[in-house]
């Protein structure tokens, strides 16, 4: 009887040591899969947001103009841009001491 119990323990230990590396590898792959699923979800959300932005830029001329002015600094032919700088702060184009610079 003790011989059978000892043999059973040895067989179970052998099975345990054979399948343990596979189980650990499977757990690692499962964790990586969860990380990739989160990245996919974040990228899909970002893609949806960018698609909405693109649609708005294509369909709304006022929004397109606003973005072009704010992000690209585009101005109309008859406009003059003034930048307000702190008193005493020197810039490359500052020739005026009243804080206003005409470009």
N, C-alpha and C. Protein backbone atom coordinates (compact mmCIF):
# COMPACT_ATOMS: atom_id res chain seq x y z
N UNK A 1 0.83 -1.20 0.00
CA UNK A 1 0.00 0.00 0.00
C UNK A 1 0.87 1.25 0.00
N UNK A 2 1.87 1.31 0.84
CA UNK A 2 2.76 2.47 0.89
C UNK A 2 3.53 2.59 -0.42
N UNK A 3 3.85 1.43 -0.99
CA UNK A 3 4.55 1.42 -2.26
C UNK A 3 3.69 2.06 -3.35
N UNK A 4 2.41 1.76 -3.38
CA UNK A 4 1.49 2.33 -4.37
C UNK A 4 1.33 3.84 -4.16
N UNK A 5 1.24 4.28 -2.92
CA UNK A 5 1.11 5.71 -2.61
C UNK A 5 2.37 6.47 -3.04
N UNK A 6 3.53 5.88 -2.77
CA UNK A 6 4.80 6.50 -3.17
C UNK A 6 4.90 6.58 -4.69
N UNK A 7 4.51 5.52 -5.37
CA UNK A 7 4.53 5.50 -6.83
C UNK A 7 3.57 6.55 -7.40
N UNK A 8 2.41 6.66 -6.80
CA UNK A 8 1.43 7.67 -7.23
C UNK A 8 1.99 9.08 -7.04
N UNK A 9 2.65 9.35 -5.91
CA UNK A 9 3.25 10.67 -5.66
C UNK A 9 4.35 10.97 -6.68
N UNK A 10 5.14 9.99 -7.03
CA UNK A 10 6.21 10.20 -8.01
C UNK A 10 5.62 10.48 -9.38
N UNK A 11 4.59 9.76 -9.76
CA UNK A 11 3.93 9.99 -11.05
C UNK A 11 3.29 11.39 -11.08
N UNK A 12 2.62 11.75 -10.03
CA UNK A 12 2.00 13.09 -9.97
C UNK A 12 3.06 14.20 -10.01
N UNK A 13 4.17 14.01 -9.32
CA UNK A 13 5.25 15.00 -9.34
C UNK A 13 5.83 15.12 -10.75
N UNK A 14 5.99 13.99 -11.44
CA UNK A 14 6.49 14.00 -12.82
C UNK A 14 5.55 14.75 -13.74
N UNK A 15 4.26 14.48 -13.63
CA UNK A 15 3.26 15.17 -14.46
C UNK A 15 3.27 16.67 -14.14
N UNK A 16 3.37 17.00 -12.87
CA UNK A 16 3.40 18.40 -12.45
C UNK A 16 4.59 19.13 -13.08
N UNK A 17 5.77 18.52 -13.01
CA UNK A 17 6.97 19.17 -13.55
C UNK A 17 6.98 19.19 -15.08
N UNK A 18 6.27 18.27 -15.72
CA UNK A 18 6.18 18.29 -17.17
C UNK A 18 5.26 19.40 -17.67
N UNK A 19 4.14 19.64 -16.97
CA UNK A 19 3.14 20.60 -17.43
C UNK A 19 3.30 21.99 -16.83
N UNK A 20 4.09 22.14 -15.80
CA UNK A 20 4.27 23.45 -15.18
C UNK A 20 4.86 24.48 -16.14
N UNK A 21 5.93 24.18 -16.89
CA UNK A 21 6.45 25.19 -17.83
C UNK A 21 5.43 25.60 -18.88
N UNK A 22 4.65 24.65 -19.36
CA UNK A 22 3.62 24.98 -20.35
C UNK A 22 2.55 25.89 -19.74
N UNK A 23 2.19 25.62 -18.52
CA UNK A 23 1.18 26.43 -17.84
C UNK A 23 1.68 27.85 -17.63
N UNK A 24 2.95 27.99 -17.22
CA UNK A 24 3.53 29.32 -17.00
C UNK A 24 3.60 30.08 -18.32
N UNK A 25 4.01 29.40 -19.39
CA UNK A 25 4.07 30.05 -20.71
C UNK A 25 2.68 30.49 -21.16
N UNK A 26 1.69 29.66 -20.90
CA UNK A 26 0.32 30.01 -21.27
C UNK A 26 -0.16 31.24 -20.49
N UNK A 27 0.19 31.32 -19.23
CA UNK A 27 -0.19 32.49 -18.42
C UNK A 27 0.47 33.76 -18.96
N UNK A 28 1.74 33.67 -19.32
CA UNK A 28 2.43 34.83 -19.89
C UNK A 28 1.77 35.28 -21.19
N UNK A 29 1.44 34.32 -22.04
CA UNK A 29 0.77 34.65 -23.30
C UNK A 29 -0.60 35.27 -23.05
N UNK A 30 -1.29 34.79 -22.04
CA UNK A 30 -2.59 35.36 -21.69
C UNK A 30 -2.45 36.81 -21.24
N UNK A 31 -1.43 37.09 -20.43
CA UNK A 31 -1.19 38.47 -19.98
C UNK A 31 -0.83 39.37 -21.16
N UNK A 32 0.02 38.88 -22.07
CA UNK A 32 0.38 39.67 -23.26
C UNK A 32 -0.86 39.94 -24.10
N UNK A 33 -1.71 38.94 -24.21
CA UNK A 33 -2.93 39.10 -24.98
C UNK A 33 -3.81 40.20 -24.39
N UNK A 34 -3.90 40.25 -23.08
CA UNK A 34 -4.70 41.30 -22.43
C UNK A 34 -4.10 42.69 -22.70
N UNK A 35 -2.77 42.79 -22.67
CA UNK A 35 -2.11 44.07 -22.95
C UNK A 35 -2.41 44.50 -24.38
N UNK A 36 -2.30 43.54 -25.32
CA UNK A 36 -2.56 43.87 -26.72
C UNK A 36 -4.02 44.23 -26.95
N UNK A 37 -4.93 43.57 -26.25
CA UNK A 37 -6.35 43.91 -26.38
C UNK A 37 -6.61 45.34 -25.91
N UNK A 38 -5.95 45.74 -24.83
CA UNK A 38 -6.10 47.12 -24.34
C UNK A 38 -5.56 48.11 -25.36
N UNK A 39 -4.39 47.78 -25.95
CA UNK A 39 -3.82 48.66 -26.98
C UNK A 39 -4.76 48.77 -28.17
N UNK A 40 -5.33 47.64 -28.58
CA UNK A 40 -6.26 47.65 -29.71
C UNK A 40 -7.47 48.53 -29.39
N UNK A 41 -8.00 48.40 -28.20
CA UNK A 41 -9.15 49.21 -27.80
C UNK A 41 -8.80 50.70 -27.81
N UNK A 42 -7.62 51.04 -27.27
CA UNK A 42 -7.19 52.44 -27.26
C UNK A 42 -7.00 52.97 -28.68
N UNK A 43 -6.40 52.17 -29.55
CA UNK A 43 -6.18 52.60 -30.93
C UNK A 43 -7.50 52.73 -31.70
N UNK A 44 -8.44 51.83 -31.44
CA UNK A 44 -9.75 51.96 -32.08
C UNK A 44 -10.46 53.23 -31.63
N UNK A 45 -10.35 53.55 -30.35
CA UNK A 45 -10.95 54.77 -29.83
C UNK A 45 -10.31 56.00 -30.48
N UNK A 46 -8.99 55.98 -30.57
CA UNK A 46 -8.26 57.08 -31.20
C UNK A 46 -8.61 57.19 -32.68
N UNK A 47 -8.72 56.05 -33.34
CA UNK A 47 -9.07 56.05 -34.76
C UNK A 47 -10.46 56.64 -34.99
N UNK A 48 -11.39 56.30 -34.12
CA UNK A 48 -12.75 56.86 -34.23
C UNK A 48 -12.72 58.37 -34.04
N UNK A 49 -11.95 58.82 -33.07
CA UNK A 49 -11.84 60.26 -32.81
C UNK A 49 -11.22 60.99 -34.01
N UNK A 50 -10.16 60.41 -34.57
CA UNK A 50 -9.51 61.04 -35.73
C UNK A 50 -10.42 61.02 -36.96
N UNK A 51 -11.20 59.96 -37.12
CA UNK A 51 -12.13 59.90 -38.24
C UNK A 51 -13.18 61.01 -38.12
N UNK A 52 -13.66 61.24 -36.90
CA UNK A 52 -14.61 62.34 -36.68
C UNK A 52 -13.97 63.69 -36.96
N UNK A 53 -12.72 63.86 -36.54
CA UNK A 53 -12.00 65.11 -36.80
C UNK A 53 -11.83 65.32 -38.30
N UNK A 54 -11.47 64.26 -39.01
CA UNK A 54 -11.28 64.35 -40.47
C UNK A 54 -12.60 64.73 -41.14
N UNK A 55 -13.68 64.07 -40.73
CA UNK A 55 -14.99 64.36 -41.32
C UNK A 55 -15.37 65.82 -41.08
N UNK A 56 -15.11 66.28 -39.87
CA UNK A 56 -15.44 67.68 -39.54
C UNK A 56 -14.60 68.65 -40.36
N UNK A 57 -13.32 68.34 -40.54
CA UNK A 57 -12.45 69.20 -41.35
C UNK A 57 -12.91 69.25 -42.80
N UNK A 58 -13.39 68.12 -43.32
CA UNK A 58 -13.83 68.08 -44.71
C UNK A 58 -15.18 68.75 -44.93
N UNK A 59 -16.05 68.68 -43.94
CA UNK A 59 -17.43 69.15 -44.12
C UNK A 59 -17.72 70.53 -43.54
N UNK A 60 -16.90 71.02 -42.63
CA UNK A 60 -17.17 72.30 -41.97
C UNK A 60 -16.07 73.30 -42.30
N UNK A 61 -16.31 74.22 -43.25
CA UNK A 61 -15.27 75.17 -43.65
C UNK A 61 -14.85 76.11 -42.52
N UNK A 62 -15.77 76.47 -41.65
CA UNK A 62 -15.41 77.35 -40.54
C UNK A 62 -14.46 76.65 -39.57
N UNK A 63 -14.71 75.40 -39.30
CA UNK A 63 -13.83 74.63 -38.42
C UNK A 63 -12.46 74.45 -39.08
N UNK A 64 -12.48 74.18 -40.39
CA UNK A 64 -11.23 74.03 -41.13
C UNK A 64 -10.39 75.31 -41.04
N UNK A 65 -11.04 76.45 -41.21
CA UNK A 65 -10.34 77.74 -41.12
C UNK A 65 -9.79 77.96 -39.71
N UNK A 66 -10.59 77.64 -38.70
CA UNK A 66 -10.14 77.80 -37.31
C UNK A 66 -8.89 76.97 -37.03
N UNK A 67 -8.91 75.71 -37.45
CA UNK A 67 -7.76 74.83 -37.23
C UNK A 67 -6.55 75.34 -38.01
N UNK A 68 -6.75 75.76 -39.24
CA UNK A 68 -5.64 76.27 -40.06
C UNK A 68 -5.03 77.50 -39.41
N UNK A 69 -5.83 78.37 -38.85
CA UNK A 69 -5.31 79.57 -38.20
C UNK A 69 -4.57 79.23 -36.91
N UNK A 70 -5.17 78.37 -36.08
CA UNK A 70 -4.58 78.07 -34.77
C UNK A 70 -3.33 77.20 -34.85
N UNK A 71 -3.39 76.15 -35.65
CA UNK A 71 -2.30 75.19 -35.65
C UNK A 71 -1.23 75.47 -36.69
N UNK A 72 -1.61 76.12 -37.77
CA UNK A 72 -0.64 76.34 -38.84
C UNK A 72 -0.26 77.81 -38.99
N UNK A 73 -0.95 78.69 -38.31
CA UNK A 73 -0.61 80.10 -38.35
C UNK A 73 -0.96 80.77 -39.67
N UNK A 74 -1.92 80.24 -40.39
CA UNK A 74 -2.32 80.81 -41.68
C UNK A 74 -3.16 82.07 -41.43
N UNK A 75 -2.90 83.11 -42.22
CA UNK A 75 -3.65 84.36 -42.10
C UNK A 75 -4.19 84.75 -43.46
N UNK A 76 -5.16 85.64 -43.45
CA UNK A 76 -5.71 86.16 -44.70
C UNK A 76 -4.79 87.25 -45.23
N UNK A 77 -4.95 87.59 -46.50
CA UNK A 77 -4.07 88.57 -47.15
C UNK A 77 -4.11 89.94 -46.48
N UNK A 78 -5.28 90.36 -46.01
CA UNK A 78 -5.40 91.71 -45.45
C UNK A 78 -5.24 91.75 -43.93
N UNK A 79 -4.80 90.67 -43.30
CA UNK A 79 -4.65 90.63 -41.85
C UNK A 79 -3.22 90.94 -41.42
N UNK A 80 -3.12 91.49 -40.23
CA UNK A 80 -1.82 91.75 -39.61
C UNK A 80 -1.86 91.09 -38.24
N UNK A 81 -0.83 90.33 -37.93
CA UNK A 81 -0.76 89.61 -36.66
C UNK A 81 0.11 90.39 -35.68
N UNK A 82 -0.39 90.59 -34.50
CA UNK A 82 0.37 91.23 -33.44
C UNK A 82 0.60 90.22 -32.33
N UNK A 83 1.83 90.14 -31.86
CA UNK A 83 2.14 89.28 -30.73
C UNK A 83 2.48 90.18 -29.55
N UNK A 84 1.87 89.88 -28.41
CA UNK A 84 2.12 90.66 -27.20
C UNK A 84 3.19 89.92 -26.40
N UNK A 85 4.28 90.64 -26.10
CA UNK A 85 5.37 90.05 -25.32
C UNK A 85 5.51 90.83 -24.02
N UNK A 86 5.98 90.19 -22.97
CA UNK A 86 6.16 90.90 -21.71
C UNK A 86 7.16 92.04 -21.85
N UNK A 87 6.95 93.08 -21.05
CA UNK A 87 7.83 94.24 -21.10
C UNK A 87 9.25 93.81 -20.73
N UNK A 88 10.20 94.22 -21.53
CA UNK A 88 11.60 93.92 -21.27
C UNK A 88 12.05 92.61 -21.90
N UNK A 89 11.14 91.84 -22.42
CA UNK A 89 11.50 90.57 -23.06
C UNK A 89 11.89 90.86 -24.50
N UNK A 90 13.08 90.44 -24.88
CA UNK A 90 13.56 90.75 -26.23
C UNK A 90 13.34 89.55 -27.13
N UNK A 91 12.92 89.85 -28.35
CA UNK A 91 12.79 88.82 -29.38
C UNK A 91 13.57 89.27 -30.60
N UNK A 92 13.67 88.41 -31.59
CA UNK A 92 14.42 88.73 -32.79
C UNK A 92 13.80 89.88 -33.57
N UNK A 93 12.47 89.98 -33.54
CA UNK A 93 11.79 91.01 -34.32
C UNK A 93 11.36 92.21 -33.49
N UNK A 94 11.75 92.26 -32.20
CA UNK A 94 11.25 93.35 -31.36
C UNK A 94 12.06 94.62 -31.59
N UNK A 95 11.40 95.54 -32.23
CA UNK A 95 12.00 96.85 -32.43
C UNK A 95 11.18 97.90 -31.70
N UNK A 96 10.06 97.47 -31.19
CA UNK A 96 9.10 98.36 -30.53
C UNK A 96 9.15 98.06 -29.03
N UNK A 97 9.12 99.07 -28.19
CA UNK A 97 9.23 98.86 -26.74
C UNK A 97 7.89 98.88 -26.02
N UNK A 98 6.79 99.02 -26.75
CA UNK A 98 5.50 99.08 -26.08
C UNK A 98 4.86 97.70 -25.88
N UNK A 99 5.58 96.64 -26.17
CA UNK A 99 5.06 95.31 -25.92
C UNK A 99 4.36 94.68 -27.12
N UNK A 100 4.21 95.43 -28.19
CA UNK A 100 3.56 94.89 -29.38
C UNK A 100 4.58 94.75 -30.49
N UNK A 101 4.50 93.67 -31.20
CA UNK A 101 5.43 93.41 -32.29
C UNK A 101 4.61 93.16 -33.55
N UNK A 102 4.93 93.86 -34.57
CA UNK A 102 4.25 93.66 -35.84
C UNK A 102 5.15 92.80 -36.70
N UNK A 103 4.58 91.66 -37.20
CA UNK A 103 5.38 90.78 -38.05
C UNK A 103 5.16 91.12 -39.51
